[in-house]
Structures are given as structure tokens and as C-alpha cells.
N, C-alpha and C. Protein backbone atom coordinates (compact mmCIF):
# COMPACT_ATOMS: atom_id res chain seq x y z
N MET A 1 174.34 116.47 121.23
CA MET A 1 173.60 117.69 121.45
C MET A 1 172.14 117.35 121.73
N GLU A 2 171.61 117.93 122.74
CA GLU A 2 170.26 117.64 123.19
C GLU A 2 169.29 118.64 122.57
N ASN A 3 168.09 118.14 122.16
CA ASN A 3 167.07 119.04 121.61
C ASN A 3 166.34 119.72 122.75
N LYS A 4 166.46 121.03 122.79
CA LYS A 4 165.76 121.82 123.79
C LYS A 4 164.63 122.57 123.11
N PRO A 5 163.52 122.71 123.83
CA PRO A 5 162.44 123.50 123.24
C PRO A 5 162.91 124.94 123.05
N SER A 6 162.53 125.49 121.94
CA SER A 6 162.94 126.86 121.62
C SER A 6 161.98 127.85 122.27
N SER A 7 162.51 128.94 122.72
CA SER A 7 161.67 130.00 123.27
C SER A 7 161.41 131.06 122.21
N THR A 8 161.87 130.82 121.01
CA THR A 8 161.66 131.77 119.92
C THR A 8 160.24 131.60 119.37
N PRO A 9 159.49 132.70 119.22
CA PRO A 9 158.14 132.59 118.67
C PRO A 9 158.16 132.00 117.27
N ILE A 10 157.11 131.25 116.97
CA ILE A 10 157.03 130.57 115.67
C ILE A 10 157.03 131.57 114.53
N SER A 11 156.46 132.76 114.74
CA SER A 11 156.43 133.75 113.67
C SER A 11 157.83 134.16 113.24
N LEU A 12 158.78 134.20 114.19
CA LEU A 12 160.15 134.54 113.82
C LEU A 12 160.79 133.42 113.02
N ILE A 13 160.48 132.20 113.38
CA ILE A 13 161.05 131.06 112.66
C ILE A 13 160.49 131.01 111.25
N VAL A 14 159.16 131.17 111.12
CA VAL A 14 158.54 131.12 109.80
C VAL A 14 158.97 132.31 108.97
N GLY A 15 159.20 133.44 109.62
CA GLY A 15 159.64 134.63 108.90
C GLY A 15 160.97 134.43 108.21
N ASN A 16 161.81 133.58 108.73
CA ASN A 16 163.11 133.33 108.12
C ASN A 16 163.02 132.37 106.94
N VAL A 17 161.95 131.62 106.86
CA VAL A 17 161.78 130.66 105.78
C VAL A 17 160.91 131.31 104.72
N SER A 18 161.20 131.08 103.50
CA SER A 18 160.41 131.72 102.44
C SER A 18 159.20 130.85 102.09
N ILE A 19 158.20 130.86 102.99
CA ILE A 19 156.95 130.13 102.76
C ILE A 19 155.89 131.15 102.41
N LYS A 20 155.18 130.89 101.34
CA LYS A 20 154.09 131.76 100.91
C LYS A 20 152.77 131.04 101.21
N PRO A 21 151.68 131.79 101.35
CA PRO A 21 150.39 131.15 101.62
C PRO A 21 150.02 130.08 100.59
N ILE A 22 150.43 130.26 99.35
CA ILE A 22 150.11 129.29 98.31
C ILE A 22 150.79 127.94 98.57
N ASP A 23 151.90 127.96 99.33
CA ASP A 23 152.63 126.73 99.64
C ASP A 23 151.92 125.89 100.70
N LEU A 24 151.02 126.49 101.45
CA LEU A 24 150.30 125.78 102.51
C LEU A 24 148.96 125.30 101.95
N SER A 25 148.72 124.01 101.99
CA SER A 25 147.52 123.46 101.36
C SER A 25 146.23 124.02 101.96
N LYS A 26 146.19 124.24 103.27
CA LYS A 26 144.99 124.77 103.92
C LYS A 26 144.71 126.19 103.46
N MET A 27 145.76 126.97 103.26
CA MET A 27 145.59 128.35 102.84
C MET A 27 145.00 128.44 101.43
N VAL A 28 145.31 127.47 100.60
CA VAL A 28 144.78 127.47 99.24
C VAL A 28 143.28 127.19 99.26
N SER A 29 142.84 126.31 100.16
CA SER A 29 141.43 125.95 100.19
C SER A 29 140.55 127.01 100.85
N ILE A 30 141.13 127.89 101.65
CA ILE A 30 140.36 128.93 102.30
C ILE A 30 140.40 130.17 101.42
N ARG A 31 139.26 130.54 100.91
CA ARG A 31 139.18 131.71 100.05
C ARG A 31 138.11 132.64 100.59
N LYS A 32 138.29 133.88 100.34
CA LYS A 32 137.29 134.86 100.74
C LYS A 32 136.09 134.70 99.80
N ARG A 33 134.93 134.52 100.38
CA ARG A 33 133.74 134.33 99.56
C ARG A 33 133.13 135.68 99.22
N SER A 34 132.65 135.77 98.01
CA SER A 34 132.00 137.02 97.61
C SER A 34 130.55 137.00 98.10
N LYS A 35 130.05 138.17 98.42
CA LYS A 35 128.67 138.27 98.89
C LYS A 35 127.73 138.20 97.70
N LYS A 36 126.65 137.47 97.87
CA LYS A 36 125.66 137.39 96.81
C LYS A 36 124.79 138.64 96.86
N VAL A 37 124.52 139.19 95.72
CA VAL A 37 123.70 140.38 95.62
C VAL A 37 122.27 139.95 95.35
N MET A 38 121.34 140.42 96.19
CA MET A 38 119.94 140.07 96.01
C MET A 38 119.35 140.95 94.90
N LYS A 39 118.56 140.34 94.03
CA LYS A 39 117.90 141.11 93.00
C LYS A 39 116.75 141.88 93.64
N THR A 40 116.66 143.15 93.33
CA THR A 40 115.59 143.96 93.91
C THR A 40 114.44 144.16 92.94
N ASN A 41 114.59 143.70 91.72
CA ASN A 41 113.54 143.94 90.73
C ASN A 41 112.67 142.71 90.51
N LYS A 42 112.53 141.88 91.53
CA LYS A 42 111.69 140.69 91.40
C LYS A 42 110.24 141.13 91.19
N LYS A 43 109.57 140.48 90.27
CA LYS A 43 108.19 140.84 89.95
C LYS A 43 107.27 140.50 91.12
N THR A 44 106.44 141.46 91.49
CA THR A 44 105.45 141.19 92.53
C THR A 44 104.22 140.57 91.88
N LEU A 45 103.38 139.95 92.69
CA LEU A 45 102.24 139.20 92.18
C LEU A 45 101.04 140.09 91.85
N GLY A 46 101.03 141.30 92.29
CA GLY A 46 99.92 142.22 92.07
C GLY A 46 100.35 143.62 92.46
N LYS A 47 99.43 144.36 93.10
CA LYS A 47 99.76 145.72 93.54
C LYS A 47 100.84 145.68 94.62
N SER A 48 101.82 146.53 94.47
CA SER A 48 102.90 146.61 95.46
C SER A 48 102.40 147.31 96.72
N ILE A 49 103.04 147.04 97.82
CA ILE A 49 102.70 147.70 99.09
C ILE A 49 102.92 149.20 98.99
N GLU A 50 103.76 149.63 98.06
CA GLU A 50 104.00 151.06 97.86
C GLU A 50 102.75 151.77 97.35
N GLU A 51 101.84 151.03 96.72
CA GLU A 51 100.59 151.60 96.21
C GLU A 51 99.50 151.63 97.28
N ARG A 52 99.77 151.07 98.44
CA ARG A 52 98.78 151.02 99.52
C ARG A 52 98.55 152.43 100.05
N PRO A 53 97.28 152.85 100.16
CA PRO A 53 96.98 154.21 100.63
C PRO A 53 97.49 154.46 102.06
N GLU A 54 97.72 155.71 102.37
CA GLU A 54 98.26 156.10 103.68
C GLU A 54 97.32 155.72 104.82
N TYR A 55 96.00 155.82 104.61
CA TYR A 55 95.06 155.50 105.70
C TYR A 55 95.12 154.02 106.08
N ILE A 56 95.59 153.16 105.19
CA ILE A 56 95.79 151.76 105.56
C ILE A 56 97.10 151.63 106.34
N SER A 57 98.13 152.29 105.85
CA SER A 57 99.43 152.21 106.51
C SER A 57 99.42 152.77 107.92
N ASP A 58 98.67 153.87 108.14
CA ASP A 58 98.67 154.48 109.48
C ASP A 58 97.61 153.89 110.41
N ARG A 59 96.91 152.86 109.97
CA ARG A 59 95.96 152.10 110.80
C ARG A 59 94.78 152.94 111.31
N SER A 60 94.38 153.94 110.55
CA SER A 60 93.31 154.82 111.00
C SER A 60 91.92 154.26 110.68
N GLU A 61 91.83 153.20 109.92
CA GLU A 61 90.55 152.66 109.50
C GLU A 61 90.50 151.15 109.74
N PHE A 62 89.34 150.67 110.20
CA PHE A 62 89.16 149.24 110.44
C PHE A 62 88.91 148.50 109.12
N GLY A 63 89.32 147.25 109.06
CA GLY A 63 88.99 146.40 107.92
C GLY A 63 90.15 146.06 107.01
N HIS A 64 91.35 146.43 107.41
CA HIS A 64 92.53 146.15 106.58
C HIS A 64 93.36 145.08 107.28
N TRP A 65 93.60 143.98 106.59
CA TRP A 65 94.15 142.77 107.19
C TRP A 65 95.49 142.41 106.59
N GLU A 66 96.30 141.69 107.36
CA GLU A 66 97.55 141.10 106.89
C GLU A 66 97.38 139.59 106.94
N ILE A 67 97.93 138.89 105.96
CA ILE A 67 97.71 137.45 105.83
C ILE A 67 99.05 136.72 105.78
N ASP A 68 99.06 135.50 106.32
CA ASP A 68 100.27 134.68 106.27
C ASP A 68 99.88 133.22 106.49
N LEU A 69 100.81 132.33 106.20
CA LEU A 69 100.63 130.90 106.46
C LEU A 69 101.55 130.48 107.58
N VAL A 70 101.04 129.65 108.48
CA VAL A 70 101.85 129.06 109.54
C VAL A 70 101.96 127.57 109.22
N LEU A 71 103.20 127.11 109.10
CA LEU A 71 103.44 125.70 108.79
C LEU A 71 103.77 124.95 110.07
N GLY A 72 103.38 123.69 110.12
CA GLY A 72 103.80 122.82 111.21
C GLY A 72 105.07 122.12 110.77
N LYS A 73 104.96 120.84 110.51
CA LYS A 73 106.07 120.11 109.90
C LYS A 73 106.09 120.45 108.41
N LYS A 74 107.27 120.48 107.86
CA LYS A 74 107.38 120.83 106.45
C LYS A 74 107.37 119.58 105.59
N THR A 75 106.22 118.91 105.59
CA THR A 75 106.06 117.72 104.75
C THR A 75 104.90 117.97 103.79
N LYS A 76 104.84 117.18 102.74
CA LYS A 76 103.86 117.40 101.69
C LYS A 76 102.42 117.21 102.18
N SER A 77 102.17 116.25 103.03
CA SER A 77 100.81 115.95 103.45
C SER A 77 100.43 116.67 104.75
N GLU A 78 101.15 117.70 105.10
CA GLU A 78 100.93 118.40 106.37
C GLU A 78 99.91 119.53 106.22
N ALA A 79 99.03 119.64 107.20
CA ALA A 79 98.07 120.74 107.24
C ALA A 79 98.81 122.05 107.53
N VAL A 80 98.20 123.15 107.12
CA VAL A 80 98.76 124.48 107.37
C VAL A 80 97.67 125.34 108.00
N MET A 81 98.08 126.46 108.58
CA MET A 81 97.13 127.37 109.18
C MET A 81 97.25 128.74 108.52
N LEU A 82 96.15 129.22 107.96
CA LEU A 82 96.09 130.54 107.36
C LEU A 82 95.71 131.52 108.45
N THR A 83 96.52 132.55 108.66
CA THR A 83 96.21 133.54 109.70
C THR A 83 95.99 134.90 109.06
N LEU A 84 94.99 135.61 109.55
CA LEU A 84 94.73 136.99 109.14
C LEU A 84 94.66 137.83 110.41
N VAL A 85 95.31 138.99 110.39
CA VAL A 85 95.30 139.88 111.54
C VAL A 85 94.87 141.26 111.07
N GLU A 86 93.87 141.83 111.75
CA GLU A 86 93.38 143.16 111.42
C GLU A 86 94.41 144.18 111.90
N ARG A 87 94.76 145.14 111.06
CA ARG A 87 95.86 146.05 111.36
C ARG A 87 95.55 147.01 112.52
N GLN A 88 94.34 147.52 112.62
CA GLN A 88 94.03 148.51 113.65
C GLN A 88 93.84 147.89 115.03
N THR A 89 93.05 146.82 115.11
CA THR A 89 92.70 146.24 116.41
C THR A 89 93.57 145.05 116.80
N ARG A 90 94.34 144.52 115.86
CA ARG A 90 95.18 143.32 116.05
C ARG A 90 94.33 142.06 116.29
N TYR A 91 93.06 142.12 115.91
CA TYR A 91 92.18 140.95 116.03
C TYR A 91 92.60 139.92 114.99
N ALA A 92 92.66 138.65 115.38
CA ALA A 92 93.17 137.61 114.48
C ALA A 92 92.11 136.57 114.15
N LEU A 93 92.21 136.05 112.94
CA LEU A 93 91.40 134.93 112.48
C LEU A 93 92.35 133.83 112.03
N ARG A 94 91.85 132.61 112.02
CA ARG A 94 92.67 131.51 111.50
C ARG A 94 91.77 130.50 110.82
N VAL A 95 92.35 129.85 109.82
CA VAL A 95 91.66 128.77 109.12
C VAL A 95 92.67 127.65 108.95
N LYS A 96 92.30 126.45 109.40
CA LYS A 96 93.16 125.28 109.20
C LYS A 96 92.84 124.70 107.83
N LEU A 97 93.89 124.51 107.03
CA LEU A 97 93.74 123.98 105.68
C LEU A 97 94.52 122.67 105.55
N GLU A 98 94.03 121.79 104.72
CA GLU A 98 94.68 120.49 104.54
C GLU A 98 95.97 120.58 103.72
N ASP A 99 96.07 121.58 102.86
CA ASP A 99 97.27 121.76 102.05
C ASP A 99 97.41 123.25 101.72
N LYS A 100 98.45 123.62 100.94
CA LYS A 100 98.68 125.04 100.73
C LYS A 100 98.76 125.51 99.28
N PRO A 101 98.16 124.82 98.31
CA PRO A 101 98.14 125.39 96.96
C PRO A 101 97.34 126.69 96.93
N SER A 102 97.63 127.53 95.95
CA SER A 102 97.00 128.84 95.88
C SER A 102 95.48 128.74 95.71
N GLN A 103 94.98 127.68 95.06
CA GLN A 103 93.53 127.52 94.91
C GLN A 103 92.86 127.32 96.26
N THR A 104 93.47 126.54 97.13
CA THR A 104 92.93 126.29 98.47
C THR A 104 92.91 127.59 99.27
N ILE A 105 93.99 128.34 99.20
CA ILE A 105 94.08 129.62 99.92
C ILE A 105 93.01 130.57 99.40
N ASN A 106 92.85 130.64 98.09
CA ASN A 106 91.87 131.55 97.49
C ASN A 106 90.45 131.21 97.94
N ARG A 107 90.11 129.93 97.98
CA ARG A 107 88.77 129.52 98.45
C ARG A 107 88.56 129.93 99.90
N ALA A 108 89.57 129.71 100.74
CA ALA A 108 89.45 130.05 102.16
C ALA A 108 89.27 131.55 102.36
N VAL A 109 90.04 132.35 101.62
CA VAL A 109 89.95 133.81 101.75
C VAL A 109 88.59 134.30 101.24
N THR A 110 88.11 133.73 100.15
CA THR A 110 86.80 134.10 99.62
C THR A 110 85.71 133.82 100.65
N HIS A 111 85.81 132.70 101.34
CA HIS A 111 84.85 132.37 102.40
C HIS A 111 84.93 133.39 103.55
N LEU A 112 86.15 133.76 103.94
CA LEU A 112 86.32 134.74 105.02
C LEU A 112 85.78 136.12 104.64
N ILE A 113 85.95 136.50 103.37
CA ILE A 113 85.45 137.80 102.90
C ILE A 113 83.94 137.86 103.04
N SER A 114 83.26 136.73 102.84
CA SER A 114 81.79 136.71 102.96
C SER A 114 81.34 136.80 104.41
N GLN A 115 82.22 136.52 105.37
CA GLN A 115 81.84 136.51 106.78
C GLN A 115 82.34 137.71 107.58
N TYR A 116 83.42 138.35 107.15
CA TYR A 116 84.05 139.42 107.93
C TYR A 116 84.23 140.66 107.07
N PRO A 117 84.29 141.84 107.73
CA PRO A 117 84.51 143.08 106.97
C PRO A 117 85.99 143.21 106.55
N ILE A 118 86.30 142.71 105.39
CA ILE A 118 87.67 142.76 104.88
C ILE A 118 87.70 143.71 103.69
N ALA A 119 88.37 144.85 103.87
CA ALA A 119 88.46 145.85 102.80
C ALA A 119 89.73 145.67 101.98
N SER A 120 90.83 145.28 102.65
CA SER A 120 92.08 145.06 101.93
C SER A 120 92.89 143.99 102.65
N ILE A 121 93.80 143.38 101.89
CA ILE A 121 94.68 142.34 102.42
C ILE A 121 96.10 142.66 101.98
N THR A 122 97.05 142.54 102.91
CA THR A 122 98.47 142.67 102.57
C THR A 122 99.11 141.31 102.77
N ALA A 123 99.75 140.81 101.72
CA ALA A 123 100.34 139.46 101.75
C ALA A 123 101.82 139.55 101.39
N ASP A 124 102.53 138.44 101.61
CA ASP A 124 103.91 138.37 101.13
C ASP A 124 103.89 137.84 99.69
N ASN A 125 105.06 137.65 99.12
CA ASN A 125 105.15 137.22 97.72
C ASN A 125 105.21 135.72 97.55
N GLY A 126 104.76 134.96 98.53
CA GLY A 126 104.77 133.51 98.42
C GLY A 126 103.83 133.03 97.32
N SER A 127 104.20 131.94 96.68
CA SER A 127 103.39 131.42 95.57
C SER A 127 101.99 131.01 96.03
N GLU A 128 101.85 130.71 97.32
CA GLU A 128 100.53 130.31 97.83
C GLU A 128 99.52 131.46 97.77
N PHE A 129 100.01 132.71 97.68
CA PHE A 129 99.12 133.87 97.61
C PHE A 129 98.99 134.42 96.19
N SER A 130 99.46 133.68 95.20
CA SER A 130 99.50 134.19 93.82
C SER A 130 98.12 134.48 93.24
N LEU A 131 97.10 133.77 93.67
CA LEU A 131 95.76 133.99 93.12
C LEU A 131 94.96 135.05 93.87
N LEU A 132 95.49 135.59 94.95
CA LEU A 132 94.74 136.61 95.70
C LEU A 132 94.47 137.85 94.87
N SER A 133 95.36 138.16 93.94
CA SER A 133 95.17 139.36 93.12
C SER A 133 93.95 139.24 92.20
N THR A 134 93.41 138.03 92.03
CA THR A 134 92.21 137.85 91.20
C THR A 134 90.93 138.16 91.98
N LEU A 135 91.02 138.35 93.29
CA LEU A 135 89.84 138.68 94.09
C LEU A 135 89.36 140.08 93.74
N GLU A 136 88.07 140.21 93.47
CA GLU A 136 87.53 141.52 93.10
C GLU A 136 86.91 142.24 94.29
N ALA A 137 86.56 141.53 95.34
CA ALA A 137 85.86 142.13 96.47
C ALA A 137 86.78 142.97 97.36
N VAL A 138 88.09 142.72 97.32
CA VAL A 138 89.03 143.44 98.19
C VAL A 138 90.26 143.88 97.40
N ASP A 139 90.94 144.89 97.92
CA ASP A 139 92.23 145.29 97.37
C ASP A 139 93.30 144.41 98.01
N VAL A 140 94.20 143.89 97.21
CA VAL A 140 95.27 143.04 97.71
C VAL A 140 96.60 143.70 97.38
N TYR A 141 97.44 143.85 98.41
CA TYR A 141 98.77 144.45 98.25
C TYR A 141 99.81 143.41 98.64
N PHE A 142 100.93 143.44 97.93
CA PHE A 142 102.00 142.48 98.18
C PHE A 142 103.24 143.20 98.68
N ALA A 143 103.80 142.69 99.78
CA ALA A 143 105.02 143.25 100.35
C ALA A 143 106.20 142.91 99.45
N HIS A 144 107.30 143.62 99.66
CA HIS A 144 108.51 143.33 98.91
C HIS A 144 109.08 141.98 99.35
N PRO A 145 109.80 141.30 98.44
CA PRO A 145 110.42 140.03 98.83
C PRO A 145 111.40 140.22 99.98
N TYR A 146 111.44 139.27 100.89
CA TYR A 146 112.34 139.27 102.05
C TYR A 146 112.15 140.50 102.94
N SER A 147 110.92 141.01 103.02
CA SER A 147 110.63 142.19 103.84
C SER A 147 109.47 141.90 104.78
N SER A 148 109.68 140.97 105.69
CA SER A 148 108.60 140.58 106.60
C SER A 148 108.20 141.73 107.51
N HIS A 149 109.09 142.72 107.71
CA HIS A 149 108.75 143.87 108.56
C HIS A 149 107.62 144.70 107.96
N GLU A 150 107.35 144.57 106.68
CA GLU A 150 106.26 145.31 106.06
C GLU A 150 104.90 144.73 106.43
N ARG A 151 104.89 143.55 107.00
CA ARG A 151 103.68 142.92 107.52
C ARG A 151 103.92 142.55 108.97
N GLY A 152 104.41 143.49 109.73
CA GLY A 152 104.84 143.25 111.09
C GLY A 152 103.74 142.80 112.03
N THR A 153 102.52 143.28 111.82
CA THR A 153 101.40 142.90 112.68
C THR A 153 101.19 141.39 112.63
N ASN A 154 101.16 140.85 111.42
CA ASN A 154 100.94 139.41 111.27
C ASN A 154 102.13 138.61 111.75
N GLU A 155 103.33 139.08 111.49
CA GLU A 155 104.53 138.36 111.94
C GLU A 155 104.59 138.31 113.47
N ASN A 156 104.20 139.41 114.12
CA ASN A 156 104.17 139.43 115.59
C ASN A 156 103.12 138.44 116.11
N PHE A 157 101.95 138.42 115.47
CA PHE A 157 100.92 137.48 115.88
C PHE A 157 101.40 136.04 115.73
N ASN A 158 102.04 135.74 114.62
CA ASN A 158 102.54 134.37 114.40
C ASN A 158 103.57 133.99 115.47
N GLY A 159 104.35 134.97 115.93
CA GLY A 159 105.28 134.71 117.03
C GLY A 159 104.54 134.35 118.31
N LEU A 160 103.44 135.06 118.59
CA LEU A 160 102.61 134.75 119.76
C LEU A 160 101.96 133.37 119.61
N LEU A 161 101.54 133.05 118.39
CA LEU A 161 100.91 131.76 118.13
C LEU A 161 101.89 130.61 118.35
N ARG A 162 103.17 130.85 118.11
CA ARG A 162 104.19 129.81 118.28
C ARG A 162 104.36 129.42 119.75
N GLU A 163 103.85 130.22 120.68
CA GLU A 163 103.85 129.82 122.09
C GLU A 163 102.92 128.62 122.29
N TYR A 164 101.87 128.55 121.47
CA TYR A 164 100.89 127.47 121.58
C TYR A 164 101.16 126.34 120.59
N VAL A 165 101.67 126.70 119.42
CA VAL A 165 101.96 125.72 118.37
C VAL A 165 103.41 125.90 117.94
N PRO A 166 104.36 125.25 118.63
CA PRO A 166 105.78 125.44 118.30
C PRO A 166 106.12 124.93 116.90
N LYS A 167 107.20 125.46 116.34
CA LYS A 167 107.67 125.01 115.03
C LYS A 167 107.99 123.53 115.08
N GLY A 168 107.69 122.84 113.98
CA GLY A 168 108.01 121.42 113.89
C GLY A 168 106.92 120.50 114.43
N ILE A 169 105.91 121.07 115.10
CA ILE A 169 104.79 120.28 115.62
C ILE A 169 103.78 120.10 114.49
N SER A 170 103.31 118.90 114.30
CA SER A 170 102.33 118.63 113.25
C SER A 170 101.00 119.30 113.59
N LEU A 171 100.40 119.95 112.59
CA LEU A 171 99.09 120.57 112.77
C LEU A 171 97.96 119.58 112.52
N ASN A 172 98.26 118.44 111.92
CA ASN A 172 97.22 117.46 111.58
C ASN A 172 96.40 117.00 112.78
N PRO A 173 97.01 116.63 113.92
CA PRO A 173 96.19 116.13 115.03
C PRO A 173 95.46 117.22 115.81
N LEU A 174 95.79 118.49 115.59
CA LEU A 174 95.14 119.57 116.33
C LEU A 174 93.72 119.78 115.82
N THR A 175 92.77 119.85 116.75
CA THR A 175 91.37 120.07 116.37
C THR A 175 91.11 121.56 116.19
N SER A 176 90.02 121.86 115.50
CA SER A 176 89.62 123.25 115.32
C SER A 176 89.35 123.92 116.66
N GLU A 177 88.78 123.15 117.59
CA GLU A 177 88.48 123.70 118.92
C GLU A 177 89.77 124.10 119.65
N GLU A 178 90.80 123.26 119.57
CA GLU A 178 92.08 123.59 120.20
C GLU A 178 92.69 124.85 119.59
N LEU A 179 92.65 124.92 118.27
CA LEU A 179 93.21 126.09 117.59
C LEU A 179 92.40 127.35 117.89
N ASP A 180 91.06 127.21 117.95
CA ASP A 180 90.22 128.36 118.31
C ASP A 180 90.54 128.85 119.72
N ASN A 181 90.77 127.94 120.65
CA ASN A 181 91.13 128.33 122.01
C ASN A 181 92.44 129.10 122.03
N ASP A 182 93.41 128.66 121.22
CA ASP A 182 94.69 129.36 121.15
C ASP A 182 94.52 130.77 120.60
N ILE A 183 93.74 130.90 119.52
CA ILE A 183 93.52 132.22 118.90
C ILE A 183 92.76 133.13 119.86
N THR A 184 91.75 132.58 120.54
CA THR A 184 90.98 133.37 121.51
C THR A 184 91.88 133.85 122.64
N ALA A 185 92.76 132.99 123.13
CA ALA A 185 93.68 133.39 124.20
C ALA A 185 94.58 134.54 123.75
N ILE A 186 95.03 134.51 122.52
CA ILE A 186 95.87 135.61 122.01
C ILE A 186 95.04 136.87 121.81
N ASN A 187 93.83 136.73 121.24
CA ASN A 187 92.98 137.90 121.01
C ASN A 187 92.57 138.58 122.31
N GLU A 188 92.40 137.80 123.38
CA GLU A 188 91.97 138.37 124.67
C GLU A 188 93.14 138.78 125.55
N ARG A 189 94.34 138.50 125.12
CA ARG A 189 95.53 138.86 125.90
C ARG A 189 95.66 140.39 125.95
N PRO A 190 95.83 140.93 127.16
CA PRO A 190 96.03 142.39 127.24
C PRO A 190 97.36 142.77 126.60
N ARG A 191 97.31 143.79 125.76
CA ARG A 191 98.54 144.25 125.10
C ARG A 191 98.74 145.72 125.41
N ARG A 192 99.96 146.05 125.72
CA ARG A 192 100.30 147.41 126.09
C ARG A 192 99.94 148.39 124.97
N LEU A 193 100.11 147.96 123.72
CA LEU A 193 99.84 148.80 122.57
C LEU A 193 98.38 149.23 122.51
N LEU A 194 97.46 148.36 122.92
CA LEU A 194 96.03 148.63 122.79
C LEU A 194 95.42 149.29 124.02
N GLN A 195 96.23 149.59 125.04
CA GLN A 195 95.68 150.20 126.26
C GLN A 195 95.67 151.70 126.17
């Protein structure tokens, strides 16, 4: 008798045999994973963004800024760039820092407050911004964890900045003049929103 290929679908053949998923080794290793539930009651570092007055949220007044850090390579000895964007005009500032501990960030922000009209700052909950709430000269508000859309102005600016400084590029060899040229190019770029 010659073995001929069967035209019967495999499902019919398996259906006749009493095989359960537990009998198949691959089926045992594949399990439905449960979704992790994010905690929503994480402690914020200072005043919540919910306490931010409406005139700041609706951008009707100048002097309210959003802050963030832009990283190059994610190594310990890598320089970082502190960016601040004014909410009403979308004007941006940047400071290149040698490292990112909260003391370094606090010193840089204190220096900027002495030079620019900064009435309030909205930051994320990163540990690098933990000392901002100790500043007495400005009101500091913290966005909810994992809610970058609450600081959309700064996130959009950082996206524009990535055209000049792509992710993974070291910030160490970049000079202040090069970075200033990049920021100036973005600040002078015509934007449909501001027309």
C-alpha cells in the first residue's frame, strides 16, 4: 500500500484524536499575560498641575514656562540640555549642563530666573526636578506621572530640537554656539499657530 498525501484538513484529523492543549508543550508555555495596573496615587514632588491657575493653562499671560531635560547618549558622564519653553509665545531657552543631578538643575534654573521673566514653571515628576519646589521666586507645578501631554509645548519643542540633535548623539562635543544656533533657528521658524 502506497502512502498518499491526504486531502483531509488537519483540523478534522486532530478532532478525532483526544488531544488537549495541555498535552502540547508549546501550548503550556504560552499563557495570556495579565495587564499591569499603573498606580495613580504616586506622590507628586510639589504642587500638582491641577492647582495651576486657569490663566496659566489658557496661555493668556506671558511668563509661564515648561521645563524638560534632553538627553544625548544615556551614559553617566554625558552632558544634558535643560530646555524651557514659554507657554504663550513658544520662545525657548536652553542650558547645557555637565550632568543631571537635581542640585545642578536647581542652580541653572535659579540663574535663568535672575535673567528672564519667569513667573511659573511646569515640570514632569522626574527626580532631576525634585528640588524645584524649594524655589521661592516662582510657582512650580508638576504634571502627573506618564502624562507628557500636560506639558505639550515643551514636548513639541523637544521634537523640533531632535531635528538638529538626534537621539543617541553625544552632547559633549557640541559647543554652546552650535546649540544656540539650533535654538535660534527653532525660535525664528514660522509657525502656523503663531500667525
